[in-house]
Amino acid sequence: MTQRKSKSSRLILRLTHGKASALAASLTTEASFRLADNSTLEVDEAAESTVDLRARWNTLMRGLIASERVLDLGGRFDE
């Protein structure tokens, strides 16, 4: 079986969140990102293949989901 070659791939994720700066902090070691303003986070990912980009996407999403869940827990202790 011959493995297919794919070109390098890139994705840009732009999300709006009330605590975008906290989410950005959670990505410091994971991805290239920038805060467009206090509520908009833009993540830029690139990889040599679509398979690698998919793996990076999965890691990025797991990190963001975990961070958001932790942020949600924080509000429960403020009451």
PDB file of N, CA and C in Angstrom:
ATOM      1  N   MET A   1       0.838  -1.166   0.000  1.00  0.00           N
ATOM      2  CA  MET A   1       0.000   0.000   0.000  1.00  0.00           C
ATOM      3  C   MET A   1       0.889   1.236   0.000  1.00  0.00           C
ATOM      4  N   THR A   2       0.552   2.213  -0.809  1.00  0.00           N
ATOM      5  CA  THR A   2       1.313   3.446  -0.906  1.00  0.00           C
ATOM      6  C   THR A   2       0.630   4.530  -0.082  1.00  0.00           C
ATOM      7  N   GLN A   3       1.419   5.204   0.732  1.00  0.00           N
ATOM      8  CA  GLN A   3       0.864   6.275   1.545  1.00  0.00           C
ATOM      9  C   GLN A   3       0.715   7.525   0.689  1.00  0.00           C
ATOM     10  N   ARG A   4      -0.406   8.199   0.823  1.00  0.00           N
ATOM     11  CA  ARG A   4      -0.642   9.418   0.065  1.00  0.00           C
ATOM     12  C   ARG A   4       0.136  10.573   0.673  1.00  0.00           C
ATOM     13  N   LYS A   5       0.675  11.404  -0.171  1.00  0.00           N
ATOM     14  CA  LYS A   5       1.351  12.604   0.297  1.00  0.00           C
ATOM     15  C   LYS A   5       0.338  13.739   0.304  1.00  0.00           C
ATOM     16  N   SER A   6       0.455  14.582   1.293  1.00  0.00           N
ATOM     17  CA  SER A   6      -0.417  15.755   1.320  1.00  0.00           C
ATOM     18  C   SER A   6       0.433  16.994   1.528  1.00  0.00           C
ATOM     19  N   LYS A   7      -0.093  18.085   1.066  1.00  0.00           N
ATOM     20  CA  LYS A   7       0.609  19.355   1.220  1.00  0.00           C
ATOM     21  C   LYS A   7       0.493  19.819   2.666  1.00  0.00           C
ATOM     22  N   SER A   8       1.326  20.782   3.012  1.00  0.00           N
ATOM     23  CA  SER A   8       1.209  21.342   4.349  1.00  0.00           C
ATOM     24  C   SER A   8      -0.176  21.969   4.491  1.00  0.00           C
ATOM     25  N   SER A   9      -0.680  21.935   5.707  1.00  0.00           N
ATOM     26  CA  SER A   9      -2.034  22.406   5.982  1.00  0.00           C
ATOM     27  C   SER A   9      -1.994  23.465   7.069  1.00  0.00           C
ATOM     28  N   ARG A  10      -3.012  24.318   7.054  1.00  0.00           N
ATOM     29  CA  ARG A  10      -3.080  25.403   8.024  1.00  0.00           C
ATOM     30  C   ARG A  10      -4.528  25.641   8.400  1.00  0.00           C
ATOM     31  N   LEU A  11      -4.744  26.023   9.646  1.00  0.00           N
ATOM     32  CA  LEU A  11      -6.077  26.419  10.070  1.00  0.00           C
ATOM     33  C   LEU A  11      -5.973  27.618  10.988  1.00  0.00           C
ATOM     34  N   ILE A  12      -7.007  28.410  10.955  1.00  0.00           N
ATOM     35  CA  ILE A  12      -7.114  29.553  11.855  1.00  0.00           C
ATOM     36  C   ILE A  12      -8.447  29.416  12.574  1.00  0.00           C
ATOM     37  N   LEU A  13      -8.387  29.391  13.890  1.00  0.00           N
ATOM     38  CA  LEU A  13      -9.578  29.301  14.719  1.00  0.00           C
ATOM     39  C   LEU A  13      -9.769  30.647  15.389  1.00  0.00           C
ATOM     40  N   ARG A  14     -10.926  31.236  15.221  1.00  0.00           N
ATOM     41  CA  ARG A  14     -11.231  32.511  15.870  1.00  0.00           C
ATOM     42  C   ARG A  14     -12.440  32.274  16.774  1.00  0.00           C
ATOM     43  N   LEU A  15     -12.282  32.547  18.050  1.00  0.00           N
ATOM     44  CA  LEU A  15     -13.396  32.347  18.966  1.00  0.00           C
ATOM     45  C   LEU A  15     -13.573  33.539  19.879  1.00  0.00           C
ATOM     46  N   THR A  16     -14.811  33.699  20.292  1.00  0.00           N
ATOM     47  CA  THR A  16     -15.160  34.774  21.216  1.00  0.00           C
ATOM     48  C   THR A  16     -15.568  34.136  22.532  1.00  0.00           C
ATOM     49  N   HIS A  17     -14.995  34.650  23.614  1.00  0.00           N
ATOM     50  CA  HIS A  17     -15.257  34.084  24.942  1.00  0.00           C
ATOM     51  C   HIS A  17     -15.073  35.185  25.963  1.00  0.00           C
ATOM     52  N   GLY A  18     -15.872  35.171  26.984  1.00  0.00           N
ATOM     53  CA  GLY A  18     -15.776  36.190  28.034  1.00  0.00           C
ATOM     54  C   GLY A  18     -14.438  36.205  28.752  1.00  0.00           C
ATOM     55  N   LYS A  19     -13.762  35.061  28.750  1.00  0.00           N
ATOM     56  CA  LYS A  19     -12.450  34.968  29.405  1.00  0.00           C
ATOM     57  C   LYS A  19     -11.399  34.507  28.394  1.00  0.00           C
ATOM     58  N   ALA A  20     -11.383  35.177  27.256  1.00  0.00           N
ATOM     59  CA  ALA A  20     -10.463  34.806  26.177  1.00  0.00           C
ATOM     60  C   ALA A  20      -9.003  34.887  26.623  1.00  0.00           C
ATOM     61  N   SER A  21      -8.672  35.854  27.454  1.00  0.00           N
ATOM     62  CA  SER A  21      -7.271  35.975  27.890  1.00  0.00           C
ATOM     63  C   SER A  21      -6.861  34.772  28.743  1.00  0.00           C
ATOM     64  N   ALA A  22      -7.765  34.237  29.553  1.00  0.00           N
ATOM     65  CA  ALA A  22      -7.454  33.042  30.349  1.00  0.00           C
ATOM     66  C   ALA A  22      -7.294  31.824  29.448  1.00  0.00           C
ATOM     67  N   LEU A  23      -8.144  31.705  28.433  1.00  0.00           N
ATOM     68  CA  LEU A  23      -7.997  30.605  27.482  1.00  0.00           C
ATOM     69  C   LEU A  23      -6.673  30.726  26.736  1.00  0.00           C
ATOM     70  N   ALA A  24      -6.309  31.949  26.357  1.00  0.00           N
ATOM     71  CA  ALA A  24      -5.035  32.167  25.669  1.00  0.00           C
ATOM     72  C   ALA A  24      -3.871  31.730  26.545  1.00  0.00           C
ATOM     73  N   ALA A  25      -3.943  32.036  27.823  1.00  0.00           N
ATOM     74  CA  ALA A  25      -2.875  31.646  28.744  1.00  0.00           C
ATOM     75  C   ALA A  25      -2.719  30.124  28.784  1.00  0.00           C
ATOM     76  N   SER A  26      -3.815  29.411  28.630  1.00  0.00           N
ATOM     77  CA  SER A  26      -3.741  27.949  28.663  1.00  0.00           C
ATOM     78  C   SER A  26      -3.085  27.378  27.407  1.00  0.00           C
ATOM     79  N   LEU A  27      -2.964  28.183  26.368  1.00  0.00           N
ATOM     80  CA  LEU A  27      -2.377  27.727  25.104  1.00  0.00           C
ATOM     81  C   LEU A  27      -0.911  28.111  24.944  1.00  0.00           C
ATOM     82  N   THR A  28      -0.342  28.728  25.942  1.00  0.00           N
ATOM     83  CA  THR A  28       1.015  29.264  25.828  1.00  0.00           C
ATOM     84  C   THR A  28       2.011  28.259  25.277  1.00  0.00           C
ATOM     85  N   THR A  29       1.936  27.017  25.694  1.00  0.00           N
ATOM     86  CA  THR A  29       2.892  26.012  25.223  1.00  0.00           C
ATOM     87  C   THR A  29       2.337  25.150  24.090  1.00  0.00           C
ATOM     88  N   GLU A  30       1.089  25.375  23.686  1.00  0.00           N
ATOM     89  CA  GLU A  30       0.426  24.501  22.715  1.00  0.00           C
ATOM     90  C   GLU A  30       0.355  25.048  21.296  1.00  0.00           C
ATOM     91  N   ALA A  31       0.160  26.359  21.144  1.00  0.00           N
ATOM     92  CA  ALA A  31      -0.142  26.892  19.812  1.00  0.00           C
ATOM     93  C   ALA A  31       0.244  28.358  19.704  1.00  0.00           C
ATOM     94  N   SER A  32       0.319  28.823  18.456  1.00  0.00           N
ATOM     95  CA  SER A  32       0.511  30.249  18.196  1.00  0.00           C
ATOM     96  C   SER A  32      -0.863  30.907  18.263  1.00  0.00           C
ATOM     97  N   PHE A  33      -0.960  32.006  18.963  1.00  0.00           N
ATOM     98  CA  PHE A  33      -2.249  32.671  19.106  1.00  0.00           C
ATOM     99  C   PHE A  33      -2.044  34.156  19.296  1.00  0.00           C
ATOM    100  N   ARG A  34      -3.147  34.895  19.177  1.00  0.00           N
ATOM    101  CA  ARG A  34      -3.132  36.310  19.512  1.00  0.00           C
ATOM    102  C   ARG A  34      -4.506  36.686  20.035  1.00  0.00           C
ATOM    103  N   LEU A  35      -4.520  37.655  20.910  1.00  0.00           N
ATOM    104  CA  LEU A  35      -5.782  38.194  21.408  1.00  0.00           C
ATOM    105  C   LEU A  35      -6.112  39.416  20.561  1.00  0.00           C
ATOM    106  N   ALA A  36      -7.210  39.348  19.837  1.00  0.00           N
ATOM    107  CA  ALA A  36      -7.613  40.472  18.997  1.00  0.00           C
ATOM    108  C   ALA A  36      -8.173  41.601  19.870  1.00  0.00           C
ATOM    109  N   ASP A  37      -8.847  41.244  20.922  1.00  0.00           N
ATOM    110  CA  ASP A  37      -9.329  42.168  21.947  1.00  0.00           C
ATOM    111  C   ASP A  37      -9.566  41.338  23.204  1.00  0.00           C
ATOM    112  N   ASN A  38     -10.228  41.887  24.196  1.00  0.00           N
ATOM    113  CA  ASN A  38     -10.396  41.148  25.458  1.00  0.00           C
ATOM    114  C   ASN A  38     -11.283  39.915  25.340  1.00  0.00           C
ATOM    115  N   SER A  39     -12.039  39.799  24.244  1.00  0.00           N
ATOM    116  CA  SER A  39     -12.962  38.665  24.153  1.00  0.00           C
ATOM    117  C   SER A  39     -12.766  37.811  22.904  1.00  0.00           C
ATOM    118  N   THR A  40     -11.776  38.135  22.060  1.00  0.00           N
ATOM    119  CA  THR A  40     -11.561  37.365  20.836  1.00  0.00           C
ATOM    120  C   THR A  40     -10.154  36.783  20.805  1.00  0.00           C
ATOM    121  N   LEU A  41     -10.105  35.478  20.652  1.00  0.00           N
ATOM    122  CA  LEU A  41      -8.850  34.738  20.586  1.00  0.00           C
ATOM    123  C   LEU A  41      -8.711  34.147  19.191  1.00  0.00           C
ATOM    124  N   GLU A  42      -7.550  34.323  18.597  1.00  0.00           N
ATOM    125  CA  GLU A  42      -7.287  33.760  17.272  1.00  0.00           C
ATOM    126  C   GLU A  42      -6.094  32.814  17.373  1.00  0.00           C
ATOM    127  N   VAL A  43      -6.328  31.557  17.006  1.00  0.00           N
ATOM    128  CA  VAL A  43      -5.292  30.524  17.075  1.00  0.00           C
ATOM    129  C   VAL A  43      -4.901  30.146  15.656  1.00  0.00           C
ATOM    130  N   ASP A  44      -3.607  30.090  15.398  1.00  0.00           N
ATOM    131  CA  ASP A  44      -3.087  29.757  14.075  1.00  0.00           C
ATOM    132  C   ASP A  44      -2.270  28.471  14.193  1.00  0.00           C
ATOM    133  N   GLU A  45      -2.697  27.438  13.485  1.00  0.00           N
ATOM    134  CA  GLU A  45      -2.008  26.146  13.509  1.00  0.00           C
ATOM    135  C   GLU A  45      -1.589  25.759  12.103  1.00  0.00           C
ATOM    136  N   ALA A  46      -0.441  25.140  11.996  1.00  0.00           N
ATOM    137  CA  ALA A  46       0.034  24.643  10.705  1.00  0.00           C
ATOM    138  C   ALA A  46       0.769  23.328  10.939  1.00  0.00           C
ATOM    139  N   ALA A  47       0.760  22.477   9.922  1.00  0.00           N
ATOM    140  CA  ALA A  47       1.445  21.192  10.015  1.00  0.00           C
ATOM    141  C   ALA A  47       1.828  20.745   8.612  1.00  0.00           C
ATOM    142  N   GLU A  48       2.743  19.811   8.553  1.00  0.00           N
ATOM    143  CA  GLU A  48       3.238  19.322   7.273  1.00  0.00           C
ATOM    144  C   GLU A  48       2.239  18.440   6.531  1.00  0.00           C
ATOM    145  N   SER A  49       1.259  17.915   7.252  1.00  0.00           N
ATOM    146  CA  SER A  49       0.260  17.066   6.602  1.00  0.00           C
ATOM    147  C   SER A  49      -1.097  17.273   7.270  1.00  0.00           C
ATOM    148  N   THR A  50      -2.122  16.853   6.588  1.00  0.00           N
ATOM    149  CA  THR A  50      -3.467  16.947   7.132  1.00  0.00           C
ATOM    150  C   THR A  50      -3.606  16.080   8.376  1.00  0.00           C
ATOM    151  N   VAL A  51      -2.977  14.929   8.376  1.00  0.00           N
ATOM    152  CA  VAL A  51      -3.021  14.034   9.537  1.00  0.00           C
ATOM    153  C   VAL A  51      -2.399  14.719  10.753  1.00  0.00           C
ATOM    154  N   ASP A  52      -1.249  15.358  10.566  1.00  0.00           N
ATOM    155  CA  ASP A  52      -0.600  16.070  11.666  1.00  0.00           C
ATOM    156  C   ASP A  52      -1.449  17.243  12.142  1.00  0.00           C
ATOM    157  N   LEU A  53      -2.075  17.945  11.205  1.00  0.00           N
ATOM    158  CA  LEU A  53      -2.918  19.073  11.568  1.00  0.00           C
ATOM    159  C   LEU A  53      -4.123  18.598  12.375  1.00  0.00           C
ATOM    160  N   ARG A  54      -4.674  17.473  11.993  1.00  0.00           N
ATOM    161  CA  ARG A  54      -5.802  16.907  12.738  1.00  0.00           C
ATOM    162  C   ARG A  54      -5.384  16.574  14.170  1.00  0.00           C
ATOM    163  N   ALA A  55      -4.212  16.016  14.349  1.00  0.00           N
ATOM    164  CA  ALA A  55      -3.716  15.695  15.693  1.00  0.00           C
ATOM    165  C   ALA A  55      -3.524  16.969  16.510  1.00  0.00           C
ATOM    166  N   ARG A  56      -2.981  17.997  15.880  1.00  0.00           N
ATOM    167  CA  ARG A  56      -2.785  19.273  16.575  1.00  0.00           C
ATOM    168  C   ARG A  56      -4.132  19.893  16.945  1.00  0.00           C
ATOM    169  N   TRP A  57      -5.116  19.797  16.036  1.00  0.00           N
ATOM    170  CA  TRP A  57      -6.462  20.295  16.291  1.00  0.00           C
ATOM    171  C   TRP A  57      -7.063  19.591  17.517  1.00  0.00           C
ATOM    172  N   ASN A  58      -6.937  18.266  17.563  1.00  0.00           N
ATOM    173  CA  ASN A  58      -7.482  17.511  18.687  1.00  0.00           C
ATOM    174  C   ASN A  58      -6.843  17.935  20.007  1.00  0.00           C
ATOM    175  N   THR A  59      -5.537  18.108  20.005  1.00  0.00           N
ATOM    176  CA  THR A  59      -4.837  18.553  21.213  1.00  0.00           C
ATOM    177  C   THR A  59      -5.298  19.941  21.624  1.00  0.00           C
ATOM    178  N   LEU A  60      -5.423  20.827  20.655  1.00  0.00           N
ATOM    179  CA  LEU A  60      -5.881  22.193  20.915  1.00  0.00           C
ATOM    180  C   LEU A  60      -7.279  22.192  21.516  1.00  0.00           C
ATOM    181  N   MET A  61      -8.179  21.428  20.936  1.00  0.00           N
ATOM    182  CA  MET A  61      -9.558  21.377  21.427  1.00  0.00           C
ATOM    183  C   MET A  61      -9.640  20.783  22.829  1.00  0.00           C
ATOM    184  N   ARG A  62      -8.891  19.727  23.090  1.00  0.00           N
ATOM    185  CA  ARG A  62      -8.888  19.141  24.435  1.00  0.00           C
ATOM    186  C   ARG A  62      -8.409  20.163  25.464  1.00  0.00           C
ATOM    187  N   GLY A  63      -7.382  20.902  25.123  1.00  0.00           N
ATOM    188  CA  GLY A  63      -6.860  21.928  26.030  1.00  0.00           C
ATOM    189  C   GLY A  63      -7.857  23.041  26.283  1.00  0.00           C
ATOM    190  N   LEU A  64      -8.516  23.508  25.224  1.00  0.00           N
ATOM    191  CA  LEU A  64      -9.495  24.578  25.386  1.00  0.00           C
ATOM    192  C   LEU A  64     -10.712  24.112  26.185  1.00  0.00           C
ATOM    193  N   ILE A  65     -11.170  22.908  25.926  1.00  0.00           N
ATOM    194  CA  ILE A  65     -12.315  22.372  26.664  1.00  0.00           C
ATOM    195  C   ILE A  65     -11.978  22.229  28.148  1.00  0.00           C
ATOM    196  N   ALA A  66     -10.818  21.676  28.444  1.00  0.00           N
ATOM    197  CA  ALA A  66     -10.403  21.519  29.844  1.00  0.00           C
ATOM    198  C   ALA A  66     -10.276  22.881  30.526  1.00  0.00           C
ATOM    199  N   SER A  67      -9.701  23.839  29.835  1.00  0.00           N
ATOM    200  CA  SER A  67      -9.530  25.173  30.418  1.00  0.00           C
ATOM    201  C   SER A  67     -10.872  25.838  30.682  1.00  0.00           C
ATOM    202  N   GLU A  68     -11.791  25.705  29.756  1.00  0.00           N
ATOM    203  CA  GLU A  68     -13.108  26.307  29.953  1.00  0.00           C
ATOM    204  C   GLU A  68     -13.836  25.659  31.135  1.00  0.00           C
ATOM    205  N   ARG A  69     -13.699  24.362  31.280  1.00  0.00           N
ATOM    206  CA  ARG A  69     -14.337  23.676  32.420  1.00  0.00           C
ATOM    207  C   ARG A  69     -13.756  24.152  33.747  1.00  0.00           C
ATOM    208  N   VAL A  70     -12.457  24.355  33.773  1.00  0.00           N
ATOM    209  CA  VAL A  70     -11.825  24.861  34.996  1.00  0.00           C
ATOM    210  C   VAL A  70     -12.301  26.276  35.279  1.00  0.00           C
ATOM    211  N   LEU A  71     -12.406  27.098  34.262  1.00  0.00           N
ATOM    212  CA  LEU A  71     -12.902  28.465  34.444  1.00  0.00           C
ATOM    213  C   LEU A  71     -14.333  28.454  34.965  1.00  0.00           C
ATOM    214  N   ASP A  72     -15.157  27.548  34.486  1.00  0.00           N
ATOM    215  CA  ASP A  72     -16.540  27.432  34.961  1.00  0.00           C
ATOM    216  C   ASP A  72     -16.582  27.030  36.434  1.00  0.00           C
ATOM    217  N   LEU A  73     -15.667  26.157  36.850  1.00  0.00           N
ATOM    218  CA  LEU A  73     -15.612  25.741  38.254  1.00  0.00           C
ATOM    219  C   LEU A  73     -15.241  26.901  39.160  1.00  0.00           C
ATOM    220  N   GLY A  74     -14.387  27.770  38.672  1.00  0.00           N
ATOM    221  CA  GLY A  74     -13.930  28.906  39.473  1.00  0.00           C
ATOM    222  C   GLY A  74     -15.074  29.772  39.956  1.00  0.00           C
ATOM    223  N   GLY A  75     -16.090  29.961  39.148  1.00  0.00           N
ATOM    224  CA  GLY A  75     -17.232  30.783  39.528  1.00  0.00           C
ATOM    225  C   GLY A  75     -18.046  30.172  40.652  1.00  0.00           C
ATOM    226  N   ARG A  76     -18.019  28.881  40.785  1.00  0.00           N
ATOM    227  CA  ARG A  76     -18.797  28.204  41.836  1.00  0.00           C
ATOM    228  C   ARG A  76     -18.229  28.479  43.221  1.00  0.00           C
ATOM    229  N   PHE A  77     -16.938  28.755  43.311  1.00  0.00           N
ATOM    230  CA  PHE A  77     -16.314  28.957  44.604  1.00  0.00           C
ATOM    231  C   PHE A  77     -16.375  30.415  45.052  1.00  0.00           C
ATOM    232  N   ASP A  78     -16.809  31.311  44.150  1.00  0.00           N
ATOM    233  CA  ASP A  78     -16.891  32.731  44.486  1.00  0.00           C
ATOM    234  C   ASP A  78     -18.161  33.044  45.268  1.00  0.00           C
ATOM    235  N   GLU A  79     -19.122  32.145  45.280  1.00  0.00           N
ATOM    236  CA  GLU A  79     -20.427  32.409  45.922  1.00  0.00           C
ATOM    237  C   GLU A  79     -20.346  32.313  47.416  1.00  0.00           C
TER     238      GLU A  79
END
